[in-house]
């Protein structure tokens, strides 16, 4: 297999972009990534487009990528549309990596986008509910759950419910304080204001100890990456290599198996020939503050039962020994489902290049991105882990 390098990386600011269309956000991200790579649209041979909810929110199915890319100059390249819940664009990145590593293409673009904010809020919630088994949702809340209840109500019953009571509200607030502080340093973040623990604890309760400001906001936005084989591409910025890309699915109802994040992380470490101790910076899927603390252990960042110690020691803050989510993570950078995975990797490319200003992790050389999508039974629907090096 050939080495695959990220030569271009760009994203829009995430947020509630009521006046902007998905196409406008995509055009901004694509133009930025191509300029960063120093190439023209004609140099791109394939495009992998991640999106989760455009069909349910706007009715555009089947050719979503071709529609949003219409004015980018990329029509004519092979375009693959990828839908895999919150992991849509990290899955697209995995497929783009495969295409370049396997020799099918020398240069591809990977795009993630989402226009999640909708005047009909019920439609947004239905799109979110569709990231889990709707039969299970109905079993928990009754036959009208698809219309009236949200997966957000399930935090006490399913996605991270079994972990909710393990952590104190104060500890979870500390995680959110960290990520909102990091987000205050990121001009692309949805939330750019540092918050206090008191503000976070005083926000509306979602389930158990989890409050609204311990949960990621659903955002609009787009992110784009340009992948090239070996020395392809003409970017003047330092190259970032994809050392490993691993895509997995959850264990469903088979609780005898390890959690999928644990299995996928181990496979990614092995393929990249690194371990958790080699990582300099991490972007992980913090849909809630609970999720961030659980993933510390599942990725081997600390022994089981010691995620609390990482938080209390502030090890995962900028300036700590293992910075996590310097972008602000999903909690502050925002969570436009189909764009999240690509945005994580854009941030890590910028970190490895040393281009992050006040939120820069000094001398970062090895980075990891972990992204999940959906929920089925006792585990996520999909999980993708990328290890990057410079």
Protein backbone atom coordinates (compact mmCIF):
# COMPACT_ATOMS: atom_id res chain seq x y z
CA UNK A 1 0.00 0.00 0.00
CA UNK A 2 1.14 3.54 -0.78
CA UNK A 3 1.66 6.25 1.80
CA UNK A 4 -1.21 8.73 1.95
CA UNK A 5 -0.59 12.37 2.82
CA UNK A 6 -3.02 15.14 3.70
CA UNK A 7 -1.97 18.10 1.58
CA UNK A 8 -4.96 20.39 2.08
CA UNK A 9 -7.27 21.10 5.02
CA UNK A 10 -9.98 23.71 5.55
CA UNK A 11 -13.31 24.20 7.27
CA UNK A 12 -16.00 26.79 7.85
CA UNK A 13 -16.89 28.15 11.21
CA UNK A 14 -19.45 25.86 12.84
CA UNK A 15 -22.64 27.35 14.22
CA UNK A 16 -26.26 28.19 13.44
CA UNK A 17 -25.93 29.49 9.88
CA UNK A 18 -29.55 30.32 9.20
CA UNK A 19 -28.77 32.50 6.19
CA UNK A 20 -26.25 30.12 4.55
CA UNK A 21 -27.01 27.12 2.38
CA UNK A 22 -25.18 23.82 2.55
CA UNK A 23 -23.80 24.52 -0.93
CA UNK A 24 -22.30 27.84 0.19
CA UNK A 25 -20.57 26.23 3.17
CA UNK A 26 -19.26 23.39 1.02
CA UNK A 27 -17.88 25.81 -1.55
CA UNK A 28 -15.99 27.71 1.16
CA UNK A 29 -14.45 24.54 2.62
CA UNK A 30 -13.55 23.01 -0.75
CA UNK A 31 -11.97 26.20 -2.08
CA UNK A 32 -9.93 26.53 1.11
CA UNK A 33 -8.67 22.94 1.00
CA UNK A 34 -7.72 23.09 -2.69
CA UNK A 35 -5.87 26.37 -2.17
CA UNK A 36 -4.11 24.91 0.86
CA UNK A 37 -3.01 21.91 -1.22
CA UNK A 38 -1.87 24.14 -4.07
CA UNK A 39 -3.93 22.28 -6.66
CA UNK A 40 -6.76 22.91 -9.10
CA UNK A 41 -10.10 21.06 -9.19
CA UNK A 42 -8.93 19.18 -12.28
CA UNK A 43 -6.16 17.57 -10.21
CA UNK A 44 -8.75 15.80 -8.01
CA UNK A 45 -9.73 12.37 -9.32
CA UNK A 46 -12.29 11.34 -6.72
CA UNK A 47 -14.44 12.96 -4.05
CA UNK A 48 -15.86 11.19 -1.00
CA UNK A 49 -18.74 13.16 0.53
CA UNK A 50 -19.97 12.54 4.08
CA UNK A 51 -23.43 13.73 5.12
CA UNK A 52 -25.89 12.31 7.61
CA UNK A 53 -29.17 14.17 7.47
CA UNK A 54 -29.73 16.13 4.23
CA UNK A 55 -32.31 13.60 3.08
CA UNK A 56 -34.49 13.93 6.16
CA UNK A 57 -33.97 17.66 6.64
CA UNK A 58 -34.16 18.97 3.09
CA UNK A 59 -35.36 16.02 1.02
CA UNK A 60 -32.16 15.80 -1.06
CA UNK A 61 -31.30 12.12 -1.44
CA UNK A 62 -29.25 10.02 -3.86
CA UNK A 63 -26.89 12.67 -5.28
CA UNK A 64 -26.22 14.90 -2.29
CA UNK A 65 -22.52 15.31 -3.05
CA UNK A 66 -23.05 16.13 -6.71
CA UNK A 67 -25.58 18.80 -5.74
CA UNK A 68 -23.46 20.62 -3.15
CA UNK A 69 -20.32 20.33 -5.32
CA UNK A 70 -22.05 21.70 -8.42
CA UNK A 71 -20.13 24.99 -8.50
CA UNK A 72 -16.77 23.79 -7.15
CA UNK A 73 -15.25 22.53 -10.41
CA UNK A 74 -15.17 18.98 -9.03
CA UNK A 75 -18.01 17.57 -11.11
CA UNK A 76 -16.53 15.08 -13.54
CA UNK A 77 -14.48 13.37 -10.85
CA UNK A 78 -15.86 10.16 -9.37
CA UNK A 79 -18.14 11.13 -6.47
CA UNK A 80 -19.10 8.74 -3.69
CA UNK A 81 -21.83 9.71 -1.24
CA UNK A 82 -21.32 8.37 2.28
CA UNK A 83 -23.97 8.23 5.00
CA UNK A 84 -22.88 6.75 8.32
CA UNK A 85 -24.51 8.88 11.04
CA UNK A 86 -22.10 11.11 12.99
CA UNK A 87 -19.18 9.17 11.48
CA UNK A 88 -20.14 9.98 7.89
CA UNK A 89 -17.12 12.11 7.01
CA UNK A 90 -14.61 10.05 8.98
CA UNK A 91 -15.95 7.08 7.01
CA UNK A 92 -15.52 9.11 3.83
CA UNK A 93 -11.93 9.78 4.91
CA UNK A 94 -11.37 6.05 5.41
CA UNK A 95 -12.66 5.35 1.90
CA UNK A 96 -10.54 8.15 0.43
CA UNK A 97 -7.49 6.76 2.22
CA UNK A 98 -8.22 3.32 0.78
CA UNK A 99 -8.55 4.73 -2.74
CA UNK A 100 -5.19 6.50 -2.61
CA UNK A 101 -3.33 3.82 -0.65
CA UNK A 102 -4.57 1.13 -3.02
CA UNK A 103 -3.61 3.05 -6.14
CA UNK A 104 -7.09 3.73 -7.53
CA UNK A 105 -6.47 7.51 -7.38
CA UNK A 106 -3.46 9.75 -6.83
CA UNK A 107 -5.45 12.66 -5.40
CA UNK A 108 -8.89 12.78 -3.79
CA UNK A 109 -10.95 15.24 -1.78
CA UNK A 110 -12.86 14.26 1.35
CA UNK A 111 -15.81 16.43 2.31
CA UNK A 112 -18.11 16.48 5.31
CA UNK A 113 -21.04 18.84 5.58
CA UNK A 114 -24.32 19.31 7.43
CA UNK A 115 -27.07 21.88 7.43
CA UNK A 116 -28.72 20.65 10.61
CA UNK A 117 -30.55 23.76 11.79
CA UNK A 118 -34.10 23.74 10.43
CA UNK A 119 -37.12 25.95 11.01
CA UNK A 120 -39.08 22.79 11.77
CA UNK A 121 -37.28 21.61 14.92
CA UNK A 122 -39.26 18.37 14.93
CA UNK A 123 -37.62 17.48 11.63
CA UNK A 124 -34.17 18.01 13.15
CA UNK A 125 -35.04 15.73 16.08
CA UNK A 126 -36.36 13.05 13.74
CA UNK A 127 -33.06 13.15 11.85
CA UNK A 128 -31.19 12.76 15.13
CA UNK A 129 -33.41 9.89 16.22
CA UNK A 130 -32.62 8.09 12.96
CA UNK A 131 -29.04 7.58 14.16
CA UNK A 132 -30.30 4.73 16.35
CA UNK A 133 -32.54 1.68 15.94
CA UNK A 134 -36.02 3.23 15.87
CA UNK A 135 -37.52 -0.04 17.07
CA UNK A 136 -35.48 0.31 20.25
CA UNK A 137 -36.59 3.91 20.67
CA UNK A 138 -40.22 2.81 20.38
CA UNK A 139 -39.67 -0.06 22.82
CA UNK A 140 -38.37 2.38 25.44
CA UNK A 141 -40.77 5.29 24.95
CA UNK A 142 -43.76 3.81 23.10
CA UNK A 143 -44.99 3.82 19.48
CA UNK A 144 -45.09 7.62 19.19
CA UNK A 145 -41.44 8.01 20.16
CA UNK A 146 -40.27 8.68 16.61
CA UNK A 147 -42.20 11.93 16.58
CA UNK A 148 -42.29 13.01 20.20
CA UNK A 149 -39.11 11.84 21.90
CA UNK A 150 -35.46 12.28 21.09
CA UNK A 151 -32.35 10.22 21.47
CA UNK A 152 -31.30 12.99 23.87
CA UNK A 153 -33.92 11.59 26.29
CA UNK A 154 -32.12 8.27 26.14
CA UNK A 155 -28.97 9.42 27.90
CA UNK A 156 -30.33 7.86 31.06
CA UNK A 157 -31.38 4.67 29.29
CA UNK A 158 -29.01 3.82 26.48
CA UNK A 159 -26.11 5.61 24.70
CA UNK A 160 -24.02 6.57 27.72
CA UNK A 161 -26.61 5.82 30.35
CA UNK A 162 -24.74 3.06 32.11
CA UNK A 163 -21.85 5.47 32.70
CA UNK A 164 -23.86 8.51 33.75
CA UNK A 165 -23.92 7.80 37.46
CA UNK A 166 -20.22 6.94 37.64
CA UNK A 167 -19.04 10.55 37.45
CA UNK A 168 -19.95 13.46 39.71
CA UNK A 169 -21.58 16.56 38.20
CA UNK A 170 -18.57 18.61 39.28
CA UNK A 171 -16.16 16.31 37.43
CA UNK A 172 -18.26 16.43 34.25
CA UNK A 173 -18.43 20.20 34.53
CA UNK A 174 -14.62 20.32 34.60
CA UNK A 175 -14.51 18.49 31.24
CA UNK A 176 -16.94 20.98 29.74
CA UNK A 177 -15.03 23.94 31.22
CA UNK A 178 -11.88 22.65 29.51
CA UNK A 179 -13.49 22.25 26.12
CA UNK A 180 -15.27 25.58 26.22
CA UNK A 181 -11.99 27.26 27.15
CA UNK A 182 -10.29 25.58 24.20
CA UNK A 183 -13.21 26.61 21.98
CA UNK A 184 -12.74 30.23 23.05
CA UNK A 185 -9.35 30.06 21.30
CA UNK A 186 -10.75 28.61 18.06
CA UNK A 187 -12.19 31.00 15.45
CA UNK A 188 -14.00 28.06 13.81
CA UNK A 189 -15.85 27.01 16.97
CA UNK A 190 -19.61 27.24 17.44
CA UNK A 191 -19.13 28.42 21.05
CA UNK A 192 -16.26 30.86 21.52
CA UNK A 193 -16.83 31.86 25.13
CA UNK A 194 -15.10 30.35 28.15
CA UNK A 195 -17.59 29.12 30.75
CA UNK A 196 -17.37 28.50 34.48
CA UNK A 197 -18.31 25.27 36.23
CA UNK A 198 -21.15 27.16 37.91
CA UNK A 199 -22.62 28.17 34.54
CA UNK A 200 -22.42 24.62 33.24
CA UNK A 201 -23.97 23.08 36.35
CA UNK A 202 -26.78 25.65 36.30
CA UNK A 203 -27.86 24.80 32.75
CA UNK A 204 -30.90 22.61 32.08
CA UNK A 205 -30.62 18.98 33.22
CA UNK A 206 -30.75 16.46 30.36
CA UNK A 207 -30.42 13.18 32.28
CA UNK A 208 -28.85 12.23 35.59
CA UNK A 209 -25.86 14.52 36.23
CA UNK A 210 -25.68 15.63 32.57
CA UNK A 211 -26.72 19.22 31.86
CA UNK A 212 -27.25 20.93 28.53
CA UNK A 213 -23.80 22.55 28.54
CA UNK A 214 -22.25 19.10 29.03
CA UNK A 215 -23.76 18.11 25.64
CA UNK A 216 -22.61 19.05 22.16
CA UNK A 217 -24.65 21.62 20.21
CA UNK A 218 -25.95 20.51 16.81
CA UNK A 219 -24.36 22.81 14.28
CA UNK A 220 -24.14 23.70 10.60
CA UNK A 221 -20.79 23.58 8.81
CA UNK A 222 -18.44 21.94 6.33
CA UNK A 223 -14.87 20.60 6.38
CA UNK A 224 -12.66 19.39 3.54
CA UNK A 225 -9.37 17.48 3.20
CA UNK A 226 -7.19 16.77 0.16
CA UNK A 227 -5.38 13.43 0.17
CA UNK A 228 -2.46 12.65 -2.14
CA UNK A 229 -0.14 9.73 -2.74
CA UNK A 230 3.47 10.18 -1.66
CA UNK A 231 4.88 13.43 -2.95
CA UNK A 232 1.79 14.46 -4.93
CA UNK A 233 0.36 17.89 -4.28
CA UNK A 234 2.05 21.27 -4.24
CA UNK A 235 1.21 22.59 -0.78
CA UNK A 236 3.93 24.67 0.86
CA UNK A 237 2.73 23.55 4.29
CA UNK A 238 4.34 20.54 6.03
CA UNK A 239 2.82 17.25 4.96
CA UNK A 240 0.79 15.14 7.37
CA UNK A 241 0.72 11.38 6.82
CA UNK A 242 -2.22 9.11 7.59
CA UNK A 243 -0.39 6.41 9.54
CA UNK A 244 -3.55 4.36 10.07
CA UNK A 245 -7.24 4.46 9.27
CA UNK A 246 -9.57 1.89 10.85
CA UNK A 247 -13.35 1.71 10.51
CA UNK A 248 -15.43 -0.62 12.64
CA UNK A 249 -18.99 -1.22 13.77
CA UNK A 250 -20.37 -1.88 17.22
CA UNK A 251 -20.88 -5.16 19.03
CA UNK A 252 -24.66 -4.76 19.00
CA UNK A 253 -26.06 -6.89 21.81
CA UNK A 254 -23.01 -9.12 22.31
CA UNK A 255 -21.67 -7.78 25.61
CA UNK A 256 -19.05 -10.54 25.75
CA UNK A 257 -17.04 -8.52 23.20
CA UNK A 258 -15.03 -5.40 24.08
CA UNK A 259 -16.55 -2.05 23.23
CA UNK A 260 -15.95 -1.15 19.58
CA UNK A 261 -13.90 1.96 20.45
CA UNK A 262 -11.46 -0.26 22.34
CA UNK A 263 -11.15 -2.76 19.47
CA UNK A 264 -10.85 -0.10 16.76
CA UNK A 265 -8.32 1.90 18.76
CA UNK A 266 -6.12 -1.16 19.24
CA UNK A 267 -6.22 -1.91 15.52
CA UNK A 268 -5.31 1.71 14.67
CA UNK A 269 -2.37 1.69 17.09
CA UNK A 270 -1.09 -1.58 15.63
CA UNK A 271 -1.33 -0.41 12.02
CA UNK A 272 0.43 2.87 12.83
CA UNK A 273 3.04 1.12 15.02
CA UNK A 274 2.38 3.52 17.90
CA UNK A 275 0.77 3.29 21.32
CA UNK A 276 -1.27 5.67 23.47
CA UNK A 277 1.97 6.79 25.13
CA UNK A 278 3.20 8.16 21.76
CA UNK A 279 0.27 10.53 21.21
CA UNK A 280 0.83 14.27 21.45
CA UNK A 281 -2.69 15.52 20.72
CA UNK A 282 -6.12 13.93 20.43
CA UNK A 283 -9.51 14.90 19.02
CA UNK A 284 -12.19 12.54 20.32
CA UNK A 285 -15.96 12.29 20.09
CA UNK A 286 -17.27 14.11 23.15
CA UNK A 287 -21.00 14.09 22.40
CA UNK A 288 -21.28 14.59 26.16
CA UNK A 289 -18.74 15.18 28.91
CA UNK A 290 -19.50 11.60 30.04
CA UNK A 291 -18.49 10.27 26.62
CA UNK A 292 -15.13 12.06 26.74
CA UNK A 293 -14.25 10.53 30.11
CA UNK A 294 -15.30 7.04 29.01
CA UNK A 295 -13.24 7.27 25.81
CA UNK A 296 -10.09 8.15 27.78
CA UNK A 297 -10.14 4.60 29.07
CA UNK A 298 -11.36 2.89 25.91
CA UNK A 299 -8.50 4.41 23.91
CA UNK A 300 -5.99 3.39 26.56
CA UNK A 301 -5.12 6.97 27.53
CA UNK A 302 -5.32 5.83 31.14
CA UNK A 303 -6.04 2.54 32.94
CA UNK A 304 -9.67 1.59 33.53
CA UNK A 305 -11.12 3.57 36.40
CA UNK A 306 -8.57 6.39 36.20
CA UNK A 307 -10.24 8.88 33.84
CA UNK A 308 -11.18 10.92 36.91
CA UNK A 309 -7.50 11.36 37.68
CA UNK A 310 -6.80 12.75 34.20
CA UNK A 311 -9.49 15.36 34.72
CA UNK A 312 -8.46 16.32 38.26
CA UNK A 313 -4.79 16.64 37.20
CA UNK A 314 -5.83 18.76 34.16
CA UNK A 315 -3.67 16.44 32.05
CA UNK A 316 -5.99 16.85 29.05
CA UNK A 317 -5.92 20.65 29.01
CA UNK A 318 -3.71 22.65 26.67
CA UNK A 319 -0.41 22.72 28.50
CA UNK A 320 -1.09 19.31 30.06
CA UNK A 321 0.77 16.14 29.21
CA UNK A 322 -1.97 14.81 26.89
CA UNK A 323 -4.12 17.58 25.36
CA UNK A 324 -7.57 16.37 24.31
CA UNK A 325 -9.90 18.35 22.06
CA UNK A 326 -7.83 21.54 21.70
CA UNK A 327 -10.38 22.62 19.08
CA UNK A 328 -13.05 22.70 21.78
CA UNK A 329 -14.31 19.27 20.77
CA UNK A 330 -17.92 18.63 19.92
CA UNK A 331 -18.92 20.39 23.16
CA UNK A 332 -17.65 23.78 21.97
CA UNK A 333 -16.49 23.50 18.35
CA UNK A 334 -19.91 22.06 17.61
CA UNK A 335 -21.37 18.93 16.05
CA UNK A 336 -22.71 19.14 12.48
CA UNK A 337 -23.14 15.39 12.25
CA UNK A 338 -21.79 14.74 8.75
CA UNK A 339 -18.91 17.23 9.10
CA UNK A 340 -17.61 16.31 12.55
CA UNK A 341 -15.14 13.56 11.61
CA UNK A 342 -13.49 15.61 8.87
CA UNK A 343 -13.32 18.65 11.16
CA UNK A 344 -11.48 16.65 13.81
CA UNK A 345 -8.81 15.76 11.27
CA UNK A 346 -8.61 19.33 9.93
CA UNK A 347 -7.80 20.46 13.48
CA UNK A 348 -5.13 17.78 13.87
CA UNK A 349 -3.54 18.67 10.53
CA UNK A 350 -3.31 22.27 11.70
CA UNK A 351 -1.87 21.13 15.03
CA UNK A 352 0.79 18.96 13.39
CA UNK A 353 1.72 21.84 11.09
CA UNK A 354 2.00 24.23 14.06
CA UNK A 355 -0.71 26.57 12.74
CA UNK A 356 -3.08 26.77 15.72
CA UNK A 357 -1.92 29.93 17.43
CA UNK A 358 -3.08 30.27 21.04
CA UNK A 359 -4.38 26.69 21.14
CA UNK A 360 -1.24 25.13 19.63
CA UNK A 361 0.14 21.98 21.24
CA UNK A 362 3.94 22.52 21.15
CA UNK A 363 6.00 20.18 18.95
CA UNK A 364 3.08 17.87 18.19
CA UNK A 365 4.18 14.96 15.97
CA UNK A 366 1.62 12.16 16.50
CA UNK A 367 -2.14 12.75 16.64
CA UNK A 368 -5.27 10.63 16.91
CA UNK A 369 -8.88 11.28 15.86
CA UNK A 370 -11.75 9.13 17.16
CA UNK A 371 -15.28 9.52 15.82
CA UNK A 372 -18.43 7.47 16.36
CA UNK A 373 -21.82 7.34 14.72
CA UNK A 374 -25.23 6.16 15.88
CA UNK A 375 -26.23 3.60 18.47
CA UNK A 376 -27.38 -0.03 18.20
CA UNK A 377 -28.03 -2.19 21.25
CA UNK A 378 -25.13 -1.81 23.68
CA UNK A 379 -22.66 -0.01 21.41
CA UNK A 380 -22.20 2.64 18.78
CA UNK A 381 -23.26 1.95 15.21
CA UNK A 382 -19.89 2.82 13.72
CA UNK A 383 -16.48 3.99 14.90
CA UNK A 384 -13.48 5.34 13.02
CA UNK A 385 -9.98 6.00 14.35
CA UNK A 386 -7.22 7.80 12.43
CA UNK A 387 -3.61 8.20 13.50
CA UNK A 388 -1.69 11.04 11.87
CA UNK A 389 2.03 11.82 11.91
CA UNK A 390 4.29 14.55 10.54
